[in-house]
Amino acid sequence: MDLTQPTAENISFMIEEIKGKLKMASAAAIKPEHFDANQYEDIKDVYELVNSKSNFSISEIEQLVSELGKLRKNV
């Protein structure tokens, strides 16, 4: 997948991958449509960080979820 373009499909892919990798209990609350292309690079940074690690502490997961919350558009 070519993640160099800030498309809705790429945002959806990255958000779903982040949710799956973090095995989030609140995953249903984070939906790809809550994000837009204005935060694409930040979302991509979170995605790349999540993909670079195999395990996360509870604290790391909380920080990542908090960061995703900051990137959400007002819905």
N, C-alpha and C. Protein backbone atom coordinates (compact mmCIF):
# COMPACT_ATOMS: atom_id res chain seq x y z
N MET A 1 0.84 -1.17 0.00
CA MET A 1 0.00 0.00 0.00
C MET A 1 0.89 1.24 0.00
N ASP A 2 0.55 2.18 -0.84
CA ASP A 2 1.30 3.43 -0.96
C ASP A 2 0.74 4.45 0.02
N LEU A 3 1.45 4.66 1.12
CA LEU A 3 0.97 5.57 2.15
C LEU A 3 1.53 6.98 2.00
N THR A 4 2.05 7.30 0.83
CA THR A 4 2.61 8.63 0.61
C THR A 4 1.54 9.67 0.30
N GLN A 5 0.34 9.22 -0.03
CA GLN A 5 -0.74 10.14 -0.39
C GLN A 5 -1.76 10.25 0.75
N PRO A 6 -2.16 11.46 1.10
CA PRO A 6 -3.12 11.65 2.19
C PRO A 6 -4.56 11.40 1.77
N THR A 7 -4.88 10.15 1.47
CA THR A 7 -6.23 9.81 1.03
C THR A 7 -7.05 9.25 2.20
N ALA A 8 -8.35 9.28 2.04
CA ALA A 8 -9.25 8.71 3.05
C ALA A 8 -8.99 7.21 3.21
N GLU A 9 -8.68 6.54 2.12
CA GLU A 9 -8.41 5.11 2.19
C GLU A 9 -7.15 4.82 3.01
N ASN A 10 -6.12 5.64 2.83
CA ASN A 10 -4.88 5.45 3.58
C ASN A 10 -5.10 5.74 5.06
N ILE A 11 -5.87 6.78 5.36
CA ILE A 11 -6.18 7.09 6.76
C ILE A 11 -6.94 5.92 7.38
N SER A 12 -7.92 5.42 6.68
CA SER A 12 -8.70 4.28 7.17
C SER A 12 -7.81 3.07 7.42
N PHE A 13 -6.93 2.77 6.48
CA PHE A 13 -6.02 1.64 6.63
C PHE A 13 -5.15 1.80 7.87
N MET A 14 -4.55 2.98 8.04
CA MET A 14 -3.63 3.19 9.16
C MET A 14 -4.36 3.14 10.50
N ILE A 15 -5.54 3.74 10.59
CA ILE A 15 -6.29 3.73 11.84
C ILE A 15 -6.68 2.29 12.20
N GLU A 16 -7.15 1.53 11.23
CA GLU A 16 -7.52 0.14 11.50
C GLU A 16 -6.31 -0.70 11.92
N GLU A 17 -5.17 -0.46 11.30
CA GLU A 17 -3.95 -1.17 11.68
C GLU A 17 -3.51 -0.81 13.10
N ILE A 18 -3.59 0.46 13.44
CA ILE A 18 -3.22 0.92 14.79
C ILE A 18 -4.14 0.25 15.81
N LYS A 19 -5.43 0.26 15.57
CA LYS A 19 -6.38 -0.34 16.49
C LYS A 19 -6.10 -1.82 16.66
N GLY A 20 -5.83 -2.51 15.57
CA GLY A 20 -5.56 -3.94 15.64
C GLY A 20 -4.28 -4.25 16.40
N LYS A 21 -3.26 -3.49 16.13
CA LYS A 21 -1.96 -3.74 16.77
C LYS A 21 -2.01 -3.45 18.26
N LEU A 22 -2.74 -2.44 18.65
CA LEU A 22 -2.83 -2.08 20.07
C LEU A 22 -3.85 -2.93 20.81
N LYS A 23 -4.67 -3.69 20.07
CA LYS A 23 -5.70 -4.52 20.68
C LYS A 23 -6.52 -3.71 21.66
N MET A 24 -6.99 -2.60 21.18
CA MET A 24 -7.67 -1.63 22.02
C MET A 24 -9.07 -2.09 22.43
N ALA A 25 -9.37 -1.97 23.71
CA ALA A 25 -10.70 -2.29 24.20
C ALA A 25 -11.72 -1.27 23.70
N SER A 26 -11.26 -0.05 23.49
CA SER A 26 -12.17 1.01 23.05
C SER A 26 -12.05 1.26 21.55
N ALA A 27 -11.66 0.27 20.80
CA ALA A 27 -11.42 0.43 19.37
C ALA A 27 -12.65 0.92 18.62
N ALA A 28 -13.82 0.53 19.07
CA ALA A 28 -15.04 0.93 18.36
C ALA A 28 -15.26 2.44 18.43
N ALA A 29 -14.67 3.09 19.43
CA ALA A 29 -14.84 4.54 19.58
C ALA A 29 -13.96 5.32 18.62
N ILE A 30 -12.96 4.69 18.07
CA ILE A 30 -12.06 5.37 17.13
C ILE A 30 -12.37 4.86 15.73
N LYS A 31 -12.88 5.76 14.93
CA LYS A 31 -13.28 5.40 13.57
C LYS A 31 -12.48 6.23 12.58
N PRO A 32 -12.14 5.63 11.45
CA PRO A 32 -11.36 6.36 10.43
C PRO A 32 -12.00 7.67 10.00
N GLU A 33 -13.32 7.71 9.97
CA GLU A 33 -13.98 8.94 9.53
C GLU A 33 -13.85 10.09 10.53
N HIS A 34 -13.30 9.81 11.70
CA HIS A 34 -13.05 10.86 12.70
C HIS A 34 -11.76 11.63 12.42
N PHE A 35 -11.06 11.26 11.37
CA PHE A 35 -9.77 11.89 11.04
C PHE A 35 -9.83 12.42 9.62
N ASP A 36 -9.04 13.46 9.36
CA ASP A 36 -9.00 13.97 7.99
C ASP A 36 -7.57 14.19 7.54
N ALA A 37 -7.44 14.58 6.29
CA ALA A 37 -6.13 14.69 5.65
C ALA A 37 -5.24 15.75 6.29
N ASN A 38 -5.81 16.69 7.02
CA ASN A 38 -5.00 17.71 7.67
C ASN A 38 -4.04 17.13 8.71
N GLN A 39 -4.41 16.01 9.29
CA GLN A 39 -3.55 15.36 10.29
C GLN A 39 -2.83 14.14 9.73
N TYR A 40 -2.79 14.03 8.42
CA TYR A 40 -2.25 12.82 7.79
C TYR A 40 -0.84 12.47 8.27
N GLU A 41 0.05 13.43 8.27
CA GLU A 41 1.44 13.14 8.66
C GLU A 41 1.54 12.69 10.11
N ASP A 42 0.73 13.29 10.98
CA ASP A 42 0.73 12.90 12.39
C ASP A 42 0.18 11.48 12.55
N ILE A 43 -0.88 11.17 11.82
CA ILE A 43 -1.45 9.81 11.86
C ILE A 43 -0.41 8.81 11.35
N LYS A 44 0.27 9.18 10.28
CA LYS A 44 1.29 8.30 9.71
C LYS A 44 2.43 8.08 10.71
N ASP A 45 2.80 9.13 11.45
CA ASP A 45 3.84 8.98 12.49
C ASP A 45 3.41 7.98 13.55
N VAL A 46 2.16 8.08 14.00
CA VAL A 46 1.65 7.14 15.01
C VAL A 46 1.64 5.73 14.42
N TYR A 47 1.17 5.60 13.19
CA TYR A 47 1.14 4.30 12.52
C TYR A 47 2.53 3.68 12.44
N GLU A 48 3.51 4.46 12.04
CA GLU A 48 4.87 3.93 11.90
C GLU A 48 5.45 3.55 13.27
N LEU A 49 5.16 4.33 14.30
CA LEU A 49 5.62 3.99 15.64
C LEU A 49 5.00 2.68 16.11
N VAL A 50 3.69 2.55 15.91
CA VAL A 50 2.99 1.33 16.33
C VAL A 50 3.54 0.12 15.58
N ASN A 51 3.82 0.27 14.29
CA ASN A 51 4.33 -0.85 13.51
C ASN A 51 5.78 -1.19 13.82
N SER A 52 6.49 -0.28 14.47
CA SER A 52 7.90 -0.53 14.77
C SER A 52 8.10 -1.37 16.03
N LYS A 53 7.04 -1.57 16.80
CA LYS A 53 7.15 -2.31 18.06
C LYS A 53 6.23 -3.52 18.04
N SER A 54 6.63 -4.55 18.77
CA SER A 54 5.77 -5.73 18.84
C SER A 54 4.92 -5.75 20.11
N ASN A 55 5.36 -5.07 21.15
CA ASN A 55 4.62 -5.04 22.41
C ASN A 55 4.56 -3.61 22.95
N PHE A 56 3.49 -3.34 23.69
CA PHE A 56 3.30 -2.02 24.27
C PHE A 56 2.90 -2.15 25.72
N SER A 57 3.40 -1.25 26.54
CA SER A 57 2.97 -1.20 27.93
C SER A 57 1.61 -0.51 27.98
N ILE A 58 0.93 -0.66 29.10
CA ILE A 58 -0.35 0.03 29.27
C ILE A 58 -0.16 1.53 29.13
N SER A 59 0.90 2.06 29.70
CA SER A 59 1.19 3.49 29.62
C SER A 59 1.39 3.93 28.17
N GLU A 60 2.12 3.14 27.39
CA GLU A 60 2.34 3.49 25.98
C GLU A 60 1.02 3.49 25.21
N ILE A 61 0.18 2.51 25.48
CA ILE A 61 -1.12 2.44 24.79
C ILE A 61 -1.95 3.66 25.15
N GLU A 62 -1.96 4.03 26.43
CA GLU A 62 -2.71 5.20 26.86
C GLU A 62 -2.21 6.46 26.16
N GLN A 63 -0.90 6.59 26.03
CA GLN A 63 -0.33 7.76 25.37
C GLN A 63 -0.70 7.79 23.89
N LEU A 64 -0.64 6.65 23.24
CA LEU A 64 -0.98 6.58 21.82
C LEU A 64 -2.46 6.89 21.59
N VAL A 65 -3.32 6.35 22.45
CA VAL A 65 -4.75 6.62 22.33
C VAL A 65 -5.02 8.10 22.58
N SER A 66 -4.32 8.67 23.54
CA SER A 66 -4.46 10.10 23.81
C SER A 66 -4.05 10.93 22.60
N GLU A 67 -2.96 10.54 21.96
CA GLU A 67 -2.50 11.26 20.77
C GLU A 67 -3.52 11.15 19.64
N LEU A 68 -4.09 9.96 19.45
CA LEU A 68 -5.12 9.81 18.43
C LEU A 68 -6.32 10.69 18.76
N GLY A 69 -6.66 10.78 20.04
CA GLY A 69 -7.77 11.64 20.45
C GLY A 69 -7.52 13.10 20.10
N LYS A 70 -6.29 13.55 20.23
CA LYS A 70 -5.94 14.92 19.89
C LYS A 70 -6.05 15.18 18.39
N LEU A 71 -5.84 14.12 17.60
CA LEU A 71 -5.86 14.26 16.14
C LEU A 71 -7.27 14.19 15.56
N ARG A 72 -8.21 13.72 16.35
CA ARG A 72 -9.59 13.60 15.85
C ARG A 72 -10.15 14.96 15.50
N LYS A 73 -10.94 14.97 14.44
CA LYS A 73 -11.66 16.20 14.13
C LYS A 73 -12.88 16.26 15.03
N ASN A 74 -13.42 17.42 15.20
CA ASN A 74 -14.60 17.59 16.06
C ASN A 74 -15.80 16.97 15.37
N VAL A 75 -16.29 15.88 15.96
CA VAL A 75 -17.45 15.19 15.38
C VAL A 75 -18.62 15.25 16.33
